[in-house]
Amino acid sequence: MKKSKWLFIFPVALMAIIFIFSNMPYEEQDIKPFLKENVELGGSSSFEFTYDGNVVSTADPYDFIEFILRKSGHIIGYFVLTMVWLIVLSRFISSLRWITLFSFILSVGYAGLDEFHQTFIPGRSGHIIDVLSVDMLGVLLAIGVFLIVRWRNKRRK
């Protein structure tokens, strides 16, 4: 197994991409105008819930869709980042426990730093609930998939 330090460029590049998206003011990322212009939405039933002190409701379906897409982006982004950390670290560390622990710490730690970073961006705000819910969900899903694939591959051998 060749241990190339160049592999670390992949998770670092993903972290840079996350940083770039987080560095954009909200107005540059707002997809509601596009949705309102191109998608006809409506409906008679609605529901709502509170997320970090803000009401999220289907009463305004464009707000609701944007909320779902943004949170899905968190899950997907941190799933991919964690999966890349898992793969890269598995080339350097033999203990599955340490691979998963370091991947978890690096991904969740970066999620926390990213949310803190957003507090300095106009129109953005950092939410610890994003780290503890959607970001961590992506991290845990990646670890789960990684462990299942490793277990299945080991069973086949």
C-alpha atoms as a PDB file:
ATOM      1  CA  MET A   1       0.000   0.000   0.000  1.00  0.00           C
ATOM      2  CA  LYS A   2       1.643   3.199  -1.184  1.00  0.00           C
ATOM      3  CA  LYS A   3       1.331   6.063   1.287  1.00  0.00           C
ATOM      4  CA  SER A   4       1.265   9.265  -0.690  1.00  0.00           C
ATOM      5  CA  LYS A   5       0.905  12.498   1.226  1.00  0.00           C
ATOM      6  CA  TRP A   6      -0.596  13.966  -1.934  1.00  0.00           C
ATOM      7  CA  LEU A   7      -3.861  12.240  -1.046  1.00  0.00           C
ATOM      8  CA  PHE A   8      -4.457  14.929   1.575  1.00  0.00           C
ATOM      9  CA  ILE A   9      -5.089  17.387  -1.251  1.00  0.00           C
ATOM     10  CA  PHE A  10      -8.573  15.870  -1.734  1.00  0.00           C
ATOM     11  CA  PRO A  11     -10.074  16.583   1.702  1.00  0.00           C
ATOM     12  CA  VAL A  12      -8.296  19.936   1.872  1.00  0.00           C
ATOM     13  CA  ALA A  13      -9.734  20.871  -1.550  1.00  0.00           C
ATOM     14  CA  LEU A  14     -13.230  19.916  -0.358  1.00  0.00           C
ATOM     15  CA  MET A  15     -12.753  22.030   2.733  1.00  0.00           C
ATOM     16  CA  ALA A  16     -11.727  24.939   0.493  1.00  0.00           C
ATOM     17  CA  ILE A  17     -14.872  24.477  -1.605  1.00  0.00           C
ATOM     18  CA  ILE A  18     -17.025  24.501   1.535  1.00  0.00           C
ATOM     19  CA  PHE A  19     -15.203  27.660   2.651  1.00  0.00           C
ATOM     20  CA  ILE A  20     -15.861  29.360  -0.696  1.00  0.00           C
ATOM     21  CA  PHE A  21     -19.603  28.612  -0.503  1.00  0.00           C
ATOM     22  CA  SER A  22     -19.709  29.743   3.121  1.00  0.00           C
ATOM     23  CA  ASN A  23     -17.912  32.936   2.241  1.00  0.00           C
ATOM     24  CA  MET A  24     -20.676  34.038  -0.150  1.00  0.00           C
ATOM     25  CA  PRO A  25     -23.223  36.505   1.189  1.00  0.00           C
ATOM     26  CA  TYR A  26     -26.734  35.074   1.443  1.00  0.00           C
ATOM     27  CA  GLU A  27     -27.997  37.247  -1.422  1.00  0.00           C
ATOM     28  CA  GLU A  28     -25.593  35.512  -3.828  1.00  0.00           C
ATOM     29  CA  GLN A  29     -26.908  32.081  -2.839  1.00  0.00           C
ATOM     30  CA  ASP A  30     -30.619  32.871  -2.551  1.00  0.00           C
ATOM     31  CA  ILE A  31     -32.459  30.587  -4.972  1.00  0.00           C
ATOM     32  CA  LYS A  32     -35.960  31.853  -4.157  1.00  0.00           C
ATOM     33  CA  PRO A  33     -36.035  34.380  -7.042  1.00  0.00           C
ATOM     34  CA  PHE A  34     -35.097  31.606  -9.483  1.00  0.00           C
ATOM     35  CA  LEU A  35     -37.741  29.281  -8.035  1.00  0.00           C
ATOM     36  CA  LYS A  36     -40.459  31.947  -8.125  1.00  0.00           C
ATOM     37  CA  GLU A  37     -39.638  32.753 -11.733  1.00  0.00           C
ATOM     38  CA  ASN A  38     -39.414  29.162 -12.997  1.00  0.00           C
ATOM     39  CA  VAL A  39     -41.504  26.927 -10.739  1.00  0.00           C
ATOM     40  CA  GLU A  40     -45.189  27.268  -9.968  1.00  0.00           C
ATOM     41  CA  LEU A  41     -45.787  26.141  -6.422  1.00  0.00           C
ATOM     42  CA  GLY A  42     -48.914  26.090  -4.375  1.00  0.00           C
ATOM     43  CA  GLY A  43     -50.869  23.923  -2.052  1.00  0.00           C
ATOM     44  CA  SER A  44     -53.643  24.042   0.449  1.00  0.00           C
ATOM     45  CA  SER A  45     -52.121  22.115   3.320  1.00  0.00           C
ATOM     46  CA  SER A  46     -49.209  23.395   5.324  1.00  0.00           C
ATOM     47  CA  PHE A  47     -47.099  22.503   8.313  1.00  0.00           C
ATOM     48  CA  GLU A  48     -44.414  24.277  10.243  1.00  0.00           C
ATOM     49  CA  PHE A  49     -41.629  23.660  12.699  1.00  0.00           C
ATOM     50  CA  THR A  50     -39.026  25.689  14.533  1.00  0.00           C
ATOM     51  CA  TYR A  51     -35.367  25.452  13.577  1.00  0.00           C
ATOM     52  CA  ASP A  52     -32.906  27.420  15.687  1.00  0.00           C
ATOM     53  CA  GLY A  53     -35.631  29.806  16.828  1.00  0.00           C
ATOM     54  CA  ASN A  54     -36.961  30.456  13.322  1.00  0.00           C
ATOM     55  CA  VAL A  55     -40.272  29.152  11.999  1.00  0.00           C
ATOM     56  CA  VAL A  56     -39.927  27.036   8.866  1.00  0.00           C
ATOM     57  CA  SER A  57     -43.264  26.655   7.137  1.00  0.00           C
ATOM     58  CA  THR A  58     -44.731  25.346   3.921  1.00  0.00           C
ATOM     59  CA  ALA A  59     -46.998  28.424   3.929  1.00  0.00           C
ATOM     60  CA  ASP A  60     -44.290  30.004   1.756  1.00  0.00           C
ATOM     61  CA  PRO A  61     -43.243  26.995  -0.328  1.00  0.00           C
ATOM     62  CA  TYR A  62     -40.249  28.809  -1.851  1.00  0.00           C
ATOM     63  CA  ASP A  63     -38.745  29.466   1.577  1.00  0.00           C
ATOM     64  CA  PHE A  64     -39.442  25.871   2.541  1.00  0.00           C
ATOM     65  CA  ILE A  65     -37.820  24.410  -0.585  1.00  0.00           C
ATOM     66  CA  GLU A  66     -34.778  26.627  -0.124  1.00  0.00           C
ATOM     67  CA  PHE A  67     -34.489  25.485   3.500  1.00  0.00           C
ATOM     68  CA  ILE A  68     -34.649  21.802   2.459  1.00  0.00           C
ATOM     69  CA  LEU A  69     -32.100  22.295  -0.336  1.00  0.00           C
ATOM     70  CA  ARG A  70     -29.692  24.177   1.941  1.00  0.00           C
ATOM     71  CA  LYS A  71     -29.845  21.549   4.677  1.00  0.00           C
ATOM     72  CA  SER A  72     -29.528  18.758   2.097  1.00  0.00           C
ATOM     73  CA  GLY A  73     -26.392  20.510   0.863  1.00  0.00           C
ATOM     74  CA  HIS A  74     -24.985  20.362   4.385  1.00  0.00           C
ATOM     75  CA  ILE A  75     -25.698  16.635   4.653  1.00  0.00           C
ATOM     76  CA  ILE A  76     -24.216  15.853   1.227  1.00  0.00           C
ATOM     77  CA  GLY A  77     -21.198  18.118   1.702  1.00  0.00           C
ATOM     78  CA  TYR A  78     -20.201  16.661   5.049  1.00  0.00           C
ATOM     79  CA  PHE A  79     -20.973  13.119   3.866  1.00  0.00           C
ATOM     80  CA  VAL A  80     -18.514  13.570   0.998  1.00  0.00           C
ATOM     81  CA  LEU A  81     -15.901  15.324   3.160  1.00  0.00           C
ATOM     82  CA  THR A  82     -16.047  12.593   5.795  1.00  0.00           C
ATOM     83  CA  MET A  83     -15.937   9.807   3.212  1.00  0.00           C
ATOM     84  CA  VAL A  84     -12.834  11.357   1.661  1.00  0.00           C
ATOM     85  CA  TRP A  85     -11.197  11.689   5.098  1.00  0.00           C
ATOM     86  CA  LEU A  86     -12.045   8.033   5.824  1.00  0.00           C
ATOM     87  CA  ILE A  87     -10.518   6.839   2.564  1.00  0.00           C
ATOM     88  CA  VAL A  88      -7.395   8.993   2.844  1.00  0.00           C
ATOM     89  CA  LEU A  89      -6.753   8.203   6.497  1.00  0.00           C
ATOM     90  CA  SER A  90      -7.249   4.474   5.871  1.00  0.00           C
ATOM     91  CA  ARG A  91      -4.146   4.642   3.661  1.00  0.00           C
ATOM     92  CA  PHE A  92      -2.072   5.836   6.631  1.00  0.00           C
ATOM     93  CA  ILE A  93      -3.718   4.318   9.710  1.00  0.00           C
ATOM     94  CA  SER A  94      -4.473   0.625  10.182  1.00  0.00           C
ATOM     95  CA  SER A  95      -6.827   0.911  13.171  1.00  0.00           C
ATOM     96  CA  LEU A  96     -10.435   1.297  12.057  1.00  0.00           C
ATOM     97  CA  ARG A  97     -11.243   2.925  15.389  1.00  0.00           C
ATOM     98  CA  TRP A  98      -8.660   5.684  14.834  1.00  0.00           C
ATOM     99  CA  ILE A  99      -9.627   6.159  11.190  1.00  0.00           C
ATOM    100  CA  THR A 100     -13.256   6.764  12.123  1.00  0.00           C
ATOM    101  CA  LEU A 101     -12.431   8.871  15.176  1.00  0.00           C
ATOM    102  CA  PHE A 102     -10.041  11.177  13.293  1.00  0.00           C
ATOM    103  CA  SER A 103     -12.448  11.471  10.353  1.00  0.00           C
ATOM    104  CA  PHE A 104     -15.272  12.347  12.737  1.00  0.00           C
ATOM    105  CA  ILE A 105     -13.203  14.951  14.589  1.00  0.00           C
ATOM    106  CA  LEU A 106     -11.823  16.532  11.408  1.00  0.00           C
ATOM    107  CA  SER A 107     -15.241  16.759   9.729  1.00  0.00           C
ATOM    108  CA  VAL A 108     -17.307  17.894  12.712  1.00  0.00           C
ATOM    109  CA  GLY A 109     -14.531  20.230  13.820  1.00  0.00           C
ATOM    110  CA  TYR A 110     -14.440  21.807  10.382  1.00  0.00           C
ATOM    111  CA  ALA A 111     -18.250  22.096  10.392  1.00  0.00           C
ATOM    112  CA  GLY A 112     -18.004  24.043  13.652  1.00  0.00           C
ATOM    113  CA  LEU A 113     -15.291  26.323  12.279  1.00  0.00           C
ATOM    114  CA  ASP A 114     -17.329  26.851   9.121  1.00  0.00           C
ATOM    115  CA  GLU A 115     -20.417  27.896  11.082  1.00  0.00           C
ATOM    116  CA  PHE A 116     -18.280  30.280  13.151  1.00  0.00           C
ATOM    117  CA  HIS A 117     -16.799  31.683   9.937  1.00  0.00           C
ATOM    118  CA  GLN A 118     -20.312  32.381   8.602  1.00  0.00           C
ATOM    119  CA  THR A 119     -20.980  34.780  11.491  1.00  0.00           C
ATOM    120  CA  PHE A 120     -18.595  37.221   9.786  1.00  0.00           C
ATOM    121  CA  ILE A 121     -20.292  37.064   6.363  1.00  0.00           C
ATOM    122  CA  PRO A 122     -22.982  39.650   5.460  1.00  0.00           C
ATOM    123  CA  GLY A 123     -26.471  38.159   5.495  1.00  0.00           C
ATOM    124  CA  ARG A 124     -25.215  34.883   6.964  1.00  0.00           C
ATOM    125  CA  SER A 125     -25.300  33.523  10.469  1.00  0.00           C
ATOM    126  CA  GLY A 126     -23.627  30.539  12.027  1.00  0.00           C
ATOM    127  CA  HIS A 127     -25.906  27.972  13.612  1.00  0.00           C
ATOM    128  CA  ILE A 128     -24.524  25.393  16.036  1.00  0.00           C
ATOM    129  CA  ILE A 129     -27.673  23.367  15.351  1.00  0.00           C
ATOM    130  CA  ASP A 130     -26.435  22.918  11.760  1.00  0.00           C
ATOM    131  CA  VAL A 131     -23.282  21.288  13.116  1.00  0.00           C
ATOM    132  CA  LEU A 132     -25.135  19.128  15.639  1.00  0.00           C
ATOM    133  CA  SER A 133     -27.885  18.037  13.259  1.00  0.00           C
ATOM    134  CA  VAL A 134     -27.443  18.181   9.496  1.00  0.00           C
ATOM    135  CA  ASP A 135     -23.638  18.328   9.309  1.00  0.00           C
ATOM    136  CA  MET A 136     -23.245  15.549  11.850  1.00  0.00           C
ATOM    137  CA  LEU A 137     -25.909  13.492  10.068  1.00  0.00           C
ATOM    138  CA  GLY A 138     -23.777  13.628   6.912  1.00  0.00           C
ATOM    139  CA  VAL A 139     -20.675  12.683   8.934  1.00  0.00           C
ATOM    140  CA  LEU A 140     -22.386   9.747  10.659  1.00  0.00           C
ATOM    141  CA  LEU A 141     -23.949   8.481   7.416  1.00  0.00           C
ATOM    142  CA  ALA A 142     -20.505   8.473   5.776  1.00  0.00           C
ATOM    143  CA  ILE A 143     -18.975   6.590   8.688  1.00  0.00           C
ATOM    144  CA  GLY A 144     -21.841   4.097   8.613  1.00  0.00           C
ATOM    145  CA  VAL A 145     -21.502   3.494   4.869  1.00  0.00           C
ATOM    146  CA  PHE A 146     -17.721   3.198   5.186  1.00  0.00           C
ATOM    147  CA  LEU A 147     -17.984   0.650   8.012  1.00  0.00           C
ATOM    148  CA  ILE A 148     -20.617  -1.408   6.176  1.00  0.00           C
ATOM    149  CA  VAL A 149     -18.521  -1.489   2.996  1.00  0.00           C
ATOM    150  CA  ARG A 150     -15.395  -2.468   4.972  1.00  0.00           C
ATOM    151  CA  TRP A 151     -17.333  -5.188   6.819  1.00  0.00           C
ATOM    152  CA  ARG A 152     -18.818  -6.585   3.582  1.00  0.00           C
ATOM    153  CA  ASN A 153     -15.428  -6.564   1.848  1.00  0.00           C
ATOM    154  CA  LYS A 154     -13.819  -8.326   4.798  1.00  0.00           C
ATOM    155  CA  ARG A 155     -16.599 -10.941   4.821  1.00  0.00           C
ATOM    156  CA  ARG A 156     -16.114 -11.647   1.108  1.00  0.00           C
ATOM    157  CA  LYS A 157     -12.392 -12.338   1.521  1.00  0.00           C
END
